Amino acid sequence: MPPSHQLAILSRRSFHSHRLVSSRPVPLAKYDVNSLRRVSSAAAAQPQYAQNVLAAGGKSALTPSPLSDEQKRFLDSALRVNQAGELAAVLIYSAQTPPIVRTHPHLLQLMKHMYDQEAGHYKTFNEILVKHRVRPTVMYPLWKAAATTLGWSTAVMGREAAMACTEAVETEIGDHYNSQIRVLLDWAADLEAKGEDFGPEMKELLATLRRIRDEELEHLDHAVMNDAKEAKPYELLTNVIRGGCRAAIWISERV
């Protein structure tokens, strides 16, 4: 097996236990799509919503169901973290790009590609927060400073360290999105079992989370293909960054 394929397999270990559903292929990535996006029958893949239409009024046979207070609190927390995380990603790539491109000009297009996708994710969650009246985290100033510092410092350490940073961050972010997707799929299955509809807005949110999750995993793959695991010291660096990401997620969920 070529070394690059071995590296890609190593980068995906933390995702092998997740059972995922994807609505689109991941561009540019080298993942085994089937293993990454497997879903068990017990998890009840995406519900098959009723296609029949009531003769009177032409309405769906499933009744739309409002979210419970607990579900609203979960979504508020999740969306707040998502927006903060995407802002951090934009700032990390923004800080990494000048030092990396100065010493490795051939990486310009890759860095721009990843930055542009993260900027699109950030814009999407800004719009979702406004639409659903979810307040951003109060930790914005601290996260902005931390993300910029992390991006610049890992880039100065070298290409491998910058890519290890991307691998660590995207591992945690991918896991975070996977958890949200599983929760929404469980909600949809429960509603369908009761003859109620998940609703168009929630279906759209689920599709958005899948798309963004896939693009984050693409970034992880690019990082591994560009020698993330050759960073020194790899274990210490990635463990510290992943720990910081988990702490930031925990705090942003609450404040």
Protein backbone atom coordinates (compact mmCIF):
# COMPACT_ATOMS: atom_id res chain seq x y z
CA MET A 1 0.00 0.00 0.00
CA PRO A 2 1.46 3.43 -0.95
CA PRO A 3 2.53 5.61 2.04
CA SER A 4 0.00 8.33 1.14
CA HIS A 5 -2.84 5.79 1.36
CA GLN A 6 -1.54 4.56 4.71
CA LEU A 7 -1.58 8.13 6.02
CA ALA A 8 -5.12 8.69 4.79
CA ILE A 9 -6.26 5.55 6.58
CA LEU A 10 -4.60 6.67 9.83
CA SER A 11 -6.29 10.06 9.65
CA ARG A 12 -9.69 8.43 9.50
CA ARG A 13 -9.37 6.16 12.52
CA SER A 14 -11.32 8.47 14.78
CA PHE A 15 -14.24 8.41 12.32
CA HIS A 16 -14.53 4.65 11.79
CA SER A 17 -16.91 4.26 14.74
CA HIS A 18 -19.33 6.86 13.40
CA ARG A 19 -22.21 5.79 11.18
CA LEU A 20 -22.85 8.52 8.69
CA VAL A 21 -25.11 9.41 5.79
CA SER A 22 -23.91 11.63 2.96
CA SER A 23 -25.92 13.15 0.17
CA ARG A 24 -22.95 14.03 -2.04
CA PRO A 25 -19.44 12.82 -2.91
CA VAL A 26 -16.47 14.63 -1.40
CA PRO A 27 -14.48 16.46 -4.10
CA LEU A 28 -10.69 16.10 -4.15
CA ALA A 29 -10.71 13.66 -1.22
CA LYS A 30 -9.31 10.12 -1.06
CA TYR A 31 -11.65 8.67 1.54
CA ASP A 32 -13.36 5.32 1.31
CA VAL A 33 -16.78 6.87 0.98
CA ASN A 34 -18.62 3.69 1.86
CA SER A 35 -16.86 3.21 5.19
CA LEU A 36 -17.04 6.89 6.10
CA ARG A 37 -20.74 7.23 5.38
CA ARG A 38 -22.08 3.87 6.49
CA VAL A 39 -25.32 3.90 8.45
CA SER A 40 -26.71 0.95 10.38
CA SER A 41 -30.23 -0.29 9.99
CA ALA A 42 -30.73 0.40 13.69
CA ALA A 43 -29.93 4.06 13.10
CA ALA A 44 -32.67 4.12 10.48
CA ALA A 45 -31.05 6.02 7.63
CA GLN A 46 -32.79 9.15 6.37
CA PRO A 47 -36.55 8.69 6.86
CA GLN A 48 -38.71 7.98 3.84
CA TYR A 49 -41.30 10.70 4.18
CA ALA A 50 -44.82 10.00 3.02
CA GLN A 51 -45.46 10.83 -0.62
CA ASN A 52 -49.22 10.60 -0.52
CA VAL A 53 -51.20 13.83 -0.57
CA LEU A 54 -54.52 14.49 1.06
CA ALA A 55 -57.26 15.01 -1.47
CA ALA A 56 -58.65 17.93 0.51
CA GLY A 57 -56.35 20.95 0.33
CA GLY A 58 -53.38 19.10 -1.15
CA LYS A 59 -51.48 18.99 2.16
CA SER A 60 -48.94 16.43 3.25
CA ALA A 61 -50.33 13.46 5.16
CA LEU A 62 -47.66 14.08 7.81
CA THR A 63 -48.34 16.82 10.33
CA PRO A 64 -45.50 19.32 10.87
CA SER A 65 -44.31 19.20 14.48
CA PRO A 66 -42.81 22.13 16.41
CA LEU A 67 -39.55 21.62 18.28
CA SER A 68 -39.65 21.03 22.00
CA ASP A 69 -37.92 23.46 24.36
CA GLU A 70 -35.13 20.93 24.87
CA GLN A 71 -34.63 20.55 21.13
CA LYS A 72 -34.54 24.33 20.69
CA ARG A 73 -31.88 24.61 23.38
CA PHE A 74 -29.82 21.92 21.65
CA LEU A 75 -30.04 23.69 18.30
CA ASP A 76 -29.22 27.09 19.78
CA SER A 77 -26.13 25.64 21.40
CA ALA A 78 -25.07 23.64 18.32
CA LEU A 79 -25.51 26.51 15.88
CA ARG A 80 -23.66 28.91 18.17
CA VAL A 81 -20.69 26.52 18.30
CA ASN A 82 -20.80 25.95 14.54
CA GLN A 83 -20.62 29.64 13.77
CA ALA A 84 -17.77 30.22 16.23
CA GLY A 85 -15.88 27.22 14.87
CA GLU A 86 -16.17 28.38 11.29
CA LEU A 87 -14.96 31.86 12.23
CA ALA A 88 -11.96 30.25 13.93
CA ALA A 89 -11.24 28.17 10.81
CA VAL A 90 -11.34 31.27 8.59
CA LEU A 91 -8.86 33.04 10.89
CA ILE A 92 -6.55 30.03 11.14
CA TYR A 93 -6.25 29.72 7.36
CA SER A 94 -5.94 33.48 6.97
CA ALA A 95 -3.00 33.52 9.38
CA GLN A 96 -1.37 30.37 7.98
CA THR A 97 -1.49 31.24 4.30
CA PRO A 98 1.19 34.01 4.02
CA PRO A 99 4.00 32.09 5.80
CA ILE A 100 3.13 28.80 4.13
CA VAL A 101 2.84 30.21 0.62
CA ARG A 102 6.05 32.19 1.03
CA THR A 103 8.03 28.98 1.57
CA HIS A 104 5.78 26.60 -0.42
CA PRO A 105 4.24 28.55 -3.33
CA HIS A 106 2.71 25.40 -4.81
CA LEU A 107 0.28 25.28 -1.85
CA LEU A 108 -1.37 28.60 -2.73
CA GLN A 109 -4.33 27.05 -4.55
CA LEU A 110 -4.92 24.47 -1.82
CA MET A 111 -4.83 27.08 0.96
CA LYS A 112 -7.17 29.32 -1.01
CA HIS A 113 -9.53 26.42 -1.70
CA MET A 114 -9.79 25.53 2.00
CA TYR A 115 -10.08 29.17 3.06
CA ASP A 116 -12.87 29.83 0.55
CA GLN A 117 -14.85 26.84 1.78
CA GLU A 118 -14.49 27.91 5.42
CA ALA A 119 -15.55 31.45 4.54
CA GLY A 120 -18.63 29.98 2.88
CA HIS A 121 -19.40 27.90 5.98
CA TYR A 122 -19.07 30.99 8.18
CA LYS A 123 -21.42 32.97 5.95
CA THR A 124 -23.95 30.12 6.03
CA PHE A 125 -24.02 29.95 9.82
CA ASN A 126 -24.20 33.74 10.12
CA GLU A 127 -27.37 33.61 8.04
CA ILE A 128 -28.79 30.69 10.04
CA LEU A 129 -28.15 32.44 13.36
CA VAL A 130 -29.92 35.58 12.16
CA LYS A 131 -32.82 33.56 10.73
CA HIS A 132 -33.39 31.62 13.95
CA ARG A 133 -32.44 34.46 16.32
CA VAL A 134 -29.60 32.57 17.96
CA ARG A 135 -27.10 34.74 19.80
CA PRO A 136 -23.39 34.26 19.02
CA THR A 137 -21.01 33.20 21.76
CA VAL A 138 -19.76 35.94 24.06
CA MET A 139 -16.28 34.41 23.72
CA TYR A 140 -15.83 35.89 20.23
CA PRO A 141 -12.87 38.17 21.11
CA LEU A 142 -10.94 35.37 22.80
CA TRP A 143 -11.61 32.81 20.06
CA LYS A 144 -10.55 35.30 17.37
CA ALA A 145 -7.23 35.96 19.10
CA ALA A 146 -6.64 32.27 19.81
CA ALA A 147 -7.41 31.16 16.24
CA THR A 148 -5.15 33.79 14.69
CA THR A 149 -2.33 32.91 17.07
CA LEU A 150 -2.73 29.19 16.41
CA GLY A 151 -2.72 29.65 12.66
CA TRP A 152 0.33 31.90 12.59
CA SER A 153 2.39 29.92 15.10
CA THR A 154 1.86 26.55 13.39
CA ALA A 155 2.66 28.06 10.00
CA VAL A 156 5.91 29.50 11.34
CA MET A 157 6.77 26.03 12.68
CA GLY A 158 6.57 24.75 9.11
CA ARG A 159 4.30 23.18 6.53
CA GLU A 160 3.98 19.91 8.44
CA ALA A 161 2.93 21.65 11.66
CA ALA A 162 0.38 23.78 9.81
CA MET A 163 -1.10 20.66 8.24
CA ALA A 164 -1.08 18.87 11.60
CA CYS A 165 -3.08 21.81 12.96
CA THR A 166 -5.63 21.33 10.18
CA GLU A 167 -5.78 17.59 10.84
CA ALA A 168 -6.37 18.11 14.57
CA VAL A 169 -9.00 20.83 14.14
CA GLU A 170 -10.90 19.01 11.40
CA THR A 171 -10.90 15.77 13.40
CA GLU A 172 -12.71 17.50 16.25
CA ILE A 173 -14.99 19.51 13.98
CA GLY A 174 -15.89 16.44 11.93
CA ASP A 175 -16.79 14.57 15.10
CA HIS A 176 -18.87 17.54 16.28
CA TYR A 177 -20.87 17.69 13.04
CA ASN A 178 -21.35 13.93 13.05
CA SER A 179 -22.92 14.14 16.50
CA GLN A 180 -25.35 16.83 15.35
CA ILE A 181 -26.32 14.85 12.26
CA ARG A 182 -27.06 11.76 14.34
CA VAL A 183 -29.26 13.75 16.71
CA LEU A 184 -31.26 15.26 13.85
CA LEU A 185 -31.68 11.86 12.19
CA ASP A 186 -33.00 10.47 15.49
CA TRP A 187 -35.49 13.35 15.74
CA ALA A 188 -36.67 12.75 12.17
CA ALA A 189 -37.12 9.01 12.76
CA ASP A 190 -39.08 9.61 15.98
CA LEU A 191 -41.39 12.11 14.28
CA GLU A 192 -42.02 9.86 11.32
CA ALA A 193 -42.89 6.98 13.65
CA LYS A 194 -45.55 9.23 15.19
CA GLY A 195 -46.89 10.34 11.82
CA GLU A 196 -45.39 13.82 12.08
CA ASP A 197 -43.17 15.73 9.69
CA PHE A 198 -39.61 16.90 10.33
CA GLY A 199 -40.37 20.11 8.43
CA PRO A 200 -38.61 21.70 5.45
CA GLU A 201 -36.35 23.95 7.53
CA MET A 202 -34.98 21.04 9.53
CA LYS A 203 -34.46 18.95 6.41
CA GLU A 204 -32.53 21.85 4.88
CA LEU A 205 -30.42 22.21 8.04
CA LEU A 206 -29.62 18.49 7.99
CA ALA A 207 -28.52 18.71 4.36
CA THR A 208 -26.37 21.76 5.17
CA LEU A 209 -24.66 19.99 8.06
CA ARG A 210 -23.89 16.99 5.86
CA ARG A 211 -22.41 19.17 3.13
CA ILE A 212 -20.24 21.15 5.51
CA ARG A 213 -19.16 18.00 7.35
CA ASP A 214 -18.01 16.49 4.08
CA GLU A 215 -15.98 19.58 3.18
CA GLU A 216 -14.32 19.59 6.61
CA LEU A 217 -13.32 15.94 6.11
CA GLU A 218 -11.91 16.91 2.74
CA HIS A 219 -9.62 19.41 4.50
CA LEU A 220 -8.48 16.70 6.90
CA ASP A 221 -7.58 14.49 3.96
CA HIS A 222 -5.60 17.27 2.29
CA ALA A 223 -3.67 17.86 5.50
CA VAL A 224 -2.66 14.21 5.82
CA MET A 225 -1.68 14.06 2.15
CA ASN A 226 0.60 17.04 2.79
CA ASP A 227 2.61 15.36 5.56
CA ALA A 228 0.67 16.41 8.65
CA LYS A 229 1.93 13.31 10.44
CA GLU A 230 5.54 14.34 9.82
CA ALA A 231 5.17 17.34 12.16
CA LYS A 232 7.50 17.43 15.15
CA PRO A 233 6.31 16.78 17.81
CA TYR A 234 3.19 15.38 16.12
CA GLU A 235 1.45 13.72 19.08
CA LEU A 236 2.00 16.62 21.47
CA LEU A 237 0.98 19.23 18.92
CA THR A 238 -2.21 17.53 17.75
CA ASN A 239 -3.29 16.49 21.25
CA VAL A 240 -2.93 20.05 22.55
CA ILE A 241 -4.87 21.48 19.60
CA ARG A 242 -7.63 18.88 19.87
CA GLY A 243 -7.92 19.50 23.59
CA GLY A 244 -8.20 23.22 22.95
CA CYS A 245 -10.92 22.62 20.36
CA ARG A 246 -12.94 20.46 22.76
CA ALA A 247 -12.65 23.10 25.48
CA ALA A 248 -13.73 25.86 23.09
CA ILE A 249 -16.73 23.79 21.97
CA TRP A 250 -17.77 23.08 25.57
CA ILE A 251 -17.55 26.75 26.55
CA SER A 252 -19.27 28.07 23.41
CA GLU A 253 -22.18 25.66 23.92
CA ARG A 254 -22.88 27.40 27.22
CA VAL A 255 -21.93 31.02 26.71
